[in-house]
Amino acid sequence: MQPFPALRHLMALAFLAAVAGLLPGASTAGAEIAEGQAAPFRVLPEGTFMVWENLDTGEKVQGVVGRTHGLIVSWIWEGRSFSSFAHICMDCVAAGVPPDGGVLGQLFPLQVGKAVTFTRRLAGEAWRDRIEVLTTEQVTVPAGTFDTYVLLRVSEQVRGDWRAEQRTWYAPELGWVVKFEGYNNKGGGERWQAVNFD
């Protein structure tokens, strides 16, 4: 199973969201997220156009925000449909995470220090995951400057030696990811940033 194509699409989604410099949440100098502040789940409006850039290759991709069902967000990326749990875990939707997120739903409202650990199963394989809200950070991408929550996801194959880490920068005022990077111990990896949201 190739988990990073899914991460790539999640990153593309995040990148598209960040590019919308005119949308709420994008600024040239915003107030930072206050210590201890919690952020409820938000999502960009359906139909929002996004452009993302691969930081390693310079490739730009386009997408459109789709419908939201509970904590499951969807988008169309380069003509293909994708879904993710709250911008954070694409593999989780394929593994049957419910719209309320199940145990993953405990991450919201986001707050530094919150974490969930869970096992997901797909196609006869199992992975152990931990997602943690690490910190807040103000980031600047071509789409604008955003106050974000940085989420770290660590995934390990239960009966194997595959391991991956991904960091996601989620901008709560925007309701989308604006930056993403993910790597695995087999040499795969991707880094994306949002260029435009419209």
Protein backbone atom coordinates (compact mmCIF):
# COMPACT_ATOMS: atom_id res chain seq x y z
CA MET A 1 0.00 0.00 0.00
CA GLN A 2 1.35 3.43 -0.93
CA PRO A 3 0.24 5.83 1.84
CA PHE A 4 1.96 8.92 0.51
CA PRO A 5 -0.18 9.31 -2.61
CA ALA A 6 -3.02 9.84 -0.15
CA LEU A 7 -0.88 12.22 1.86
CA ARG A 8 0.03 13.99 -1.33
CA HIS A 9 -3.61 14.63 -2.04
CA LEU A 10 -4.21 15.78 1.52
CA MET A 11 -1.31 18.13 1.16
CA ALA A 12 -2.67 19.35 -2.12
CA LEU A 13 -5.92 20.07 -0.39
CA ALA A 14 -4.14 21.91 2.37
CA PHE A 15 -2.08 23.80 -0.14
CA LEU A 16 -5.14 24.92 -2.05
CA ALA A 17 -6.69 26.21 1.12
CA ALA A 18 -3.64 28.25 1.97
CA VAL A 19 -3.51 29.94 -1.38
CA ALA A 20 -6.75 31.81 -0.78
CA GLY A 21 -5.14 34.91 0.61
CA LEU A 22 -8.39 36.86 0.44
CA LEU A 23 -10.39 34.37 2.49
CA PRO A 24 -10.98 34.90 6.22
CA GLY A 25 -7.94 33.80 8.19
CA ALA A 26 -5.39 34.91 5.63
CA SER A 27 -3.51 38.03 6.51
CA THR A 28 -0.17 39.68 6.29
CA ALA A 29 0.03 40.08 10.06
CA GLY A 30 -2.53 38.29 12.19
CA ALA A 31 -2.97 37.82 15.89
CA GLU A 32 -1.39 34.64 17.13
CA ILE A 33 -3.46 31.87 18.63
CA ALA A 34 -3.62 32.49 22.37
CA GLU A 35 -2.02 29.91 24.64
CA GLY A 36 -4.62 27.36 25.69
CA GLN A 37 -7.12 28.54 23.06
CA ALA A 38 -9.21 25.77 21.51
CA ALA A 39 -10.30 25.75 17.85
CA PRO A 40 -13.53 24.09 16.71
CA PHE A 41 -13.72 22.21 13.43
CA ARG A 42 -14.22 24.43 10.37
CA VAL A 43 -14.02 23.85 6.66
CA LEU A 44 -13.81 26.06 3.58
CA PRO A 45 -17.09 26.52 1.68
CA GLU A 46 -17.96 23.89 -0.92
CA GLY A 47 -16.76 25.02 -4.34
CA THR A 48 -13.69 26.92 -3.07
CA PHE A 49 -10.96 26.66 -5.72
CA MET A 50 -7.46 25.77 -4.49
CA VAL A 51 -3.95 25.73 -5.93
CA TRP A 52 -1.11 23.84 -4.21
CA GLU A 53 2.63 23.62 -4.86
CA ASN A 54 4.98 20.71 -4.28
CA LEU A 55 7.95 22.26 -2.47
CA ASP A 56 10.39 19.69 -3.84
CA THR A 57 9.42 19.71 -7.53
CA GLY A 58 7.65 23.04 -7.99
CA GLU A 59 4.67 21.19 -9.49
CA LYS A 60 1.37 23.05 -9.02
CA VAL A 61 -1.96 21.28 -8.79
CA GLN A 62 -5.53 22.53 -8.64
CA GLY A 63 -8.56 21.36 -6.76
CA VAL A 64 -12.02 22.25 -5.51
CA VAL A 65 -13.46 21.82 -2.01
CA GLY A 66 -16.31 19.31 -1.96
CA ARG A 67 -19.02 18.49 0.56
CA THR A 68 -18.46 18.00 4.26
CA HIS A 69 -20.20 15.22 6.22
CA GLY A 70 -19.59 15.59 9.94
CA LEU A 71 -15.80 15.69 10.33
CA ILE A 72 -15.20 14.13 6.90
CA VAL A 73 -14.09 16.64 4.28
CA SER A 74 -13.89 15.99 0.55
CA TRP A 75 -12.31 17.65 -2.45
CA ILE A 76 -11.58 17.06 -6.11
CA TRP A 77 -7.91 17.08 -6.95
CA GLU A 78 -6.74 16.94 -10.54
CA GLY A 79 -10.10 15.40 -11.49
CA ARG A 80 -10.14 12.71 -8.75
CA SER A 81 -12.26 12.72 -5.59
CA PHE A 82 -10.68 12.42 -2.13
CA SER A 83 -11.90 12.39 1.46
CA SER A 84 -10.12 12.93 4.75
CA PHE A 85 -10.88 13.01 8.45
CA ALA A 86 -10.77 16.72 9.31
CA HIS A 87 -7.91 17.47 6.88
CA ILE A 88 -5.62 15.21 8.92
CA CYS A 89 -6.03 11.55 7.96
CA MET A 90 -7.01 10.38 4.46
CA ASP A 91 -6.24 6.74 5.22
CA CYS A 92 -8.72 6.92 8.10
CA VAL A 93 -11.71 7.50 5.81
CA ALA A 94 -10.73 4.51 3.67
CA ALA A 95 -10.48 2.48 6.90
CA GLY A 96 -14.06 3.39 7.82
CA VAL A 97 -13.81 6.26 10.30
CA PRO A 98 -17.38 7.47 11.00
CA PRO A 99 -18.50 11.06 10.24
CA ASP A 100 -18.21 12.00 13.94
CA GLY A 101 -14.59 10.83 13.84
CA GLY A 102 -15.00 8.18 16.54
CA VAL A 103 -11.93 8.40 18.78
CA LEU A 104 -10.39 10.87 16.30
CA GLY A 105 -13.25 13.26 16.99
CA GLN A 106 -11.74 13.79 20.45
CA LEU A 107 -9.10 16.02 18.82
CA PHE A 108 -11.72 18.76 18.34
CA PRO A 109 -11.82 21.41 19.43
CA LEU A 110 -8.09 21.50 18.69
CA GLN A 111 -5.91 22.44 21.63
CA VAL A 112 -2.15 22.10 22.11
CA GLY A 113 -1.38 18.88 23.96
CA LYS A 114 -4.43 16.91 22.82
CA ALA A 115 -3.62 13.52 21.30
CA VAL A 116 -5.37 10.35 20.18
CA THR A 117 -3.99 6.88 19.52
CA PHE A 118 -5.86 4.35 17.39
CA THR A 119 -5.46 1.37 15.09
CA ARG A 120 -6.86 1.38 11.56
CA ARG A 121 -7.31 -1.61 9.31
CA LEU A 122 -7.48 -1.74 5.55
CA ALA A 123 -7.00 -4.55 3.03
CA GLY A 124 -5.87 -7.06 5.67
CA GLU A 125 -3.21 -4.77 7.14
CA ALA A 126 -3.21 -2.82 10.39
CA TRP A 127 -1.51 0.44 11.32
CA ARG A 128 -1.10 2.04 14.73
CA ASP A 129 -1.44 5.81 14.60
CA ARG A 130 -0.99 8.68 17.02
CA ILE A 131 -2.10 12.21 16.17
CA GLU A 132 -1.03 15.02 18.49
CA VAL A 133 -1.61 18.76 18.47
CA LEU A 134 2.02 19.82 18.96
CA THR A 135 2.00 23.59 18.99
CA THR A 136 0.72 26.73 17.33
CA GLU A 137 2.74 28.52 14.68
CA GLN A 138 2.26 31.47 12.37
CA VAL A 139 3.26 30.41 8.85
CA THR A 140 3.56 32.29 5.59
CA VAL A 141 2.83 30.52 2.32
CA PRO A 142 2.00 32.02 -1.09
CA ALA A 143 -1.70 32.02 -0.07
CA GLY A 144 -1.01 34.32 2.89
CA THR A 145 0.06 34.37 6.52
CA PHE A 146 -1.92 32.13 8.85
CA ASP A 147 -2.07 31.31 12.53
CA THR A 148 -2.04 27.51 12.61
CA TYR A 149 -2.15 24.45 14.81
CA VAL A 150 0.66 22.02 13.98
CA LEU A 151 -0.47 18.39 14.11
CA LEU A 152 1.95 15.48 14.10
CA ARG A 153 0.74 12.09 12.90
CA VAL A 154 2.95 9.03 13.41
CA SER A 155 1.89 5.80 11.67
CA GLU A 156 3.47 2.37 12.14
CA GLN A 157 2.57 -0.88 10.42
CA VAL A 158 1.57 -3.38 13.12
CA ARG A 159 3.11 -6.44 11.40
CA GLY A 160 5.90 -4.82 9.48
CA ASP A 161 8.65 -2.24 9.64
CA TRP A 162 6.94 0.60 7.76
CA ARG A 163 6.78 3.91 9.67
CA ALA A 164 5.79 7.41 8.62
CA GLU A 165 5.44 10.88 10.08
CA GLN A 166 3.41 13.76 8.74
CA ARG A 167 3.03 17.33 9.94
CA THR A 168 -0.03 19.33 9.03
CA TRP A 169 -0.47 23.08 9.55
CA TYR A 170 -4.21 23.69 10.02
CA ALA A 171 -5.49 27.29 9.93
CA PRO A 172 -8.68 27.35 12.03
CA GLU A 173 -9.88 30.75 10.81
CA LEU A 174 -9.57 29.55 7.22
CA GLY A 175 -10.90 26.06 7.87
CA TRP A 176 -8.23 24.26 5.89
CA VAL A 177 -4.66 23.02 5.94
CA VAL A 178 -2.11 25.47 4.49
CA LYS A 179 1.07 23.39 4.65
CA PHE A 180 1.90 19.71 4.79
CA GLU A 181 4.95 17.45 4.91
CA GLY A 182 5.18 13.70 5.24
CA TYR A 183 7.99 11.14 5.15
CA ASN A 184 8.35 7.39 5.63
CA ASN A 185 11.27 5.14 6.52
CA LYS A 186 11.31 3.67 2.99
CA GLY A 187 12.51 6.93 1.45
CA GLY A 188 9.15 8.37 0.39
CA GLY A 189 8.14 11.90 1.23
CA GLU A 190 6.32 15.01 0.11
CA ARG A 191 6.09 18.68 1.09
CA TRP A 192 3.25 20.93 -0.08
CA GLN A 193 2.10 24.50 0.52
CA ALA A 194 -1.06 26.41 -0.37
CA VAL A 195 -0.70 28.92 -3.19
CA ASN A 196 -4.24 30.22 -3.59
CA PHE A 197 -7.84 29.86 -2.39
CA ASP A 198 -10.65 31.45 -4.34
